[in-house]
Amino acid sequence: MFAHLSSLLGLLITGHWLGWGCFLGPLIIWLVKKDTMPFVNDQGKEALNFNITVAIIFFALFVLTLITLGLGVVIAMPIGAVVFIAWLVFTIIAAIRANEGQRYRYPYTLRLIG
């Protein structure tokens, strides 16, 4: 549960959704507990993969805005808002499921950490 919720804490600490804090929390929890707790290993990787995927999306939207000299913000802002809301909802659902002892798989996630 803490692996999922640590991304929310990272958002609060960094103060914005572009911060590194969103995937640093899941990374630290996964690295510390992966060898001793199989459930934390699984859910830590899941939270880490999801937050890395979201960070890649936001980085791509940022690059789109830069390349178009700011005109891409017309596309990037609405997409960013939808991705942010989805990130928030899926993170809360994952934390609730993990608290109940159920494995949760985020939808639309790149499985970068296996």
Protein backbone atom coordinates (compact mmCIF):
# COMPACT_ATOMS: atom_id res chain seq x y z
CA MET A 1 0.00 0.00 0.00
CA PHE A 2 2.82 2.40 0.86
CA ALA A 3 4.48 1.82 -2.51
CA HIS A 4 1.34 3.14 -4.19
CA LEU A 5 0.70 5.98 -1.73
CA SER A 6 4.32 7.14 -1.77
CA SER A 7 3.76 8.51 -5.26
CA LEU A 8 1.04 10.79 -3.84
CA LEU A 9 3.45 11.86 -1.11
CA GLY A 10 6.05 12.57 -3.79
CA LEU A 11 3.56 14.82 -5.53
CA LEU A 12 2.98 16.76 -2.32
CA ILE A 13 6.69 17.09 -1.55
CA THR A 14 7.75 18.20 -5.03
CA GLY A 15 4.74 20.46 -5.37
CA HIS A 16 3.86 19.58 -8.96
CA TRP A 17 3.14 16.57 -11.14
CA LEU A 18 6.39 16.91 -13.10
CA GLY A 19 8.48 16.15 -10.01
CA TRP A 20 10.73 13.16 -9.59
CA GLY A 21 9.03 12.40 -6.29
CA CYS A 22 6.21 10.51 -7.97
CA PHE A 23 8.39 7.52 -8.73
CA LEU A 24 11.15 7.94 -6.14
CA GLY A 25 8.88 6.72 -3.32
CA PRO A 26 7.86 3.49 -5.05
CA LEU A 27 11.49 2.95 -6.12
CA ILE A 28 12.83 3.28 -2.58
CA ILE A 29 10.15 1.02 -1.08
CA TRP A 30 10.67 -1.59 -3.79
CA LEU A 31 14.46 -1.57 -3.44
CA VAL A 32 14.34 -1.86 0.36
CA LYS A 33 11.66 -4.58 0.64
CA LYS A 34 11.79 -6.55 -2.65
CA ASP A 35 13.91 -9.40 -1.28
CA THR A 36 12.07 -9.89 2.01
CA MET A 37 8.41 -9.39 1.05
CA PRO A 38 7.11 -10.95 -2.21
CA PHE A 39 3.86 -8.93 -2.16
CA VAL A 40 5.78 -5.66 -1.77
CA ASN A 41 8.13 -6.78 -4.56
CA ASP A 42 5.17 -7.29 -6.89
CA GLN A 43 3.25 -4.15 -5.97
CA GLY A 44 6.37 -2.00 -5.73
CA LYS A 45 7.31 -2.91 -9.30
CA GLU A 46 3.75 -2.26 -10.39
CA ALA A 47 3.67 1.20 -8.76
CA LEU A 48 7.11 2.02 -10.13
CA ASN A 49 6.21 0.95 -13.68
CA PHE A 50 2.99 2.97 -13.60
CA ASN A 51 4.66 6.13 -12.31
CA ILE A 52 7.49 5.85 -14.83
CA THR A 53 4.88 5.46 -17.59
CA VAL A 54 3.05 8.59 -16.39
CA ALA A 55 6.35 10.50 -16.17
CA ILE A 56 7.15 9.51 -19.77
CA ILE A 57 3.74 10.78 -20.91
CA PHE A 58 4.20 14.12 -19.14
CA PHE A 59 7.73 14.46 -20.51
CA ALA A 60 6.42 13.81 -24.04
CA LEU A 61 3.73 16.47 -23.56
CA PHE A 62 6.38 18.89 -22.30
CA VAL A 63 8.57 18.20 -25.34
CA LEU A 64 5.56 18.68 -27.63
CA THR A 65 4.97 22.09 -26.06
CA LEU A 66 8.64 23.06 -26.48
CA ILE A 67 8.93 21.88 -30.08
CA THR A 68 5.84 23.81 -31.11
CA LEU A 69 7.08 26.93 -29.31
CA GLY A 70 4.17 26.83 -26.90
CA LEU A 71 1.38 26.13 -29.37
CA GLY A 72 1.31 22.47 -28.35
CA VAL A 73 0.02 23.51 -24.95
CA VAL A 74 -3.46 23.57 -26.53
CA ILE A 75 -3.16 19.78 -26.86
CA ALA A 76 -0.86 19.11 -23.91
CA MET A 77 -2.97 20.75 -21.20
CA PRO A 78 -6.21 18.78 -21.74
CA ILE A 79 -4.31 15.51 -22.22
CA GLY A 80 -2.20 16.27 -19.16
CA ALA A 81 -5.30 16.95 -17.08
CA VAL A 82 -6.88 13.65 -18.12
CA VAL A 83 -3.66 11.73 -17.43
CA PHE A 84 -3.29 13.44 -14.03
CA ILE A 85 -6.85 12.56 -12.98
CA ALA A 86 -6.40 8.97 -14.20
CA TRP A 87 -3.09 8.75 -12.31
CA LEU A 88 -4.76 9.95 -9.11
CA VAL A 89 -7.75 7.59 -9.42
CA PHE A 90 -5.67 4.52 -10.33
CA THR A 91 -3.19 5.21 -7.52
CA ILE A 92 -5.97 5.39 -4.94
CA ILE A 93 -7.60 2.22 -6.28
CA ALA A 94 -4.24 0.43 -6.17
CA ALA A 95 -3.61 1.50 -2.58
CA ILE A 96 -7.05 0.30 -1.49
CA ARG A 97 -6.59 -3.07 -3.24
CA ALA A 98 -3.09 -3.51 -1.80
CA ASN A 99 -4.43 -2.72 1.67
CA GLU A 100 -6.96 -5.52 1.18
CA GLY A 101 -4.13 -7.89 0.20
CA GLN A 102 -5.11 -8.04 -3.48
CA ARG A 103 -2.62 -7.68 -6.29
CA TYR A 104 -3.46 -4.73 -8.53
CA ARG A 105 -2.39 -4.23 -12.14
CA TYR A 106 -2.51 -0.69 -13.45
CA PRO A 107 -4.03 -0.41 -16.92
CA TYR A 108 -2.05 1.08 -19.82
CA THR A 109 1.29 0.59 -18.08
CA LEU A 110 4.65 -0.10 -19.69
CA ARG A 111 6.21 -3.06 -17.87
CA LEU A 112 9.76 -1.68 -17.79
CA ILE A 113 10.82 -3.26 -14.48
CA GLY A 114 10.26 -7.01 -14.61
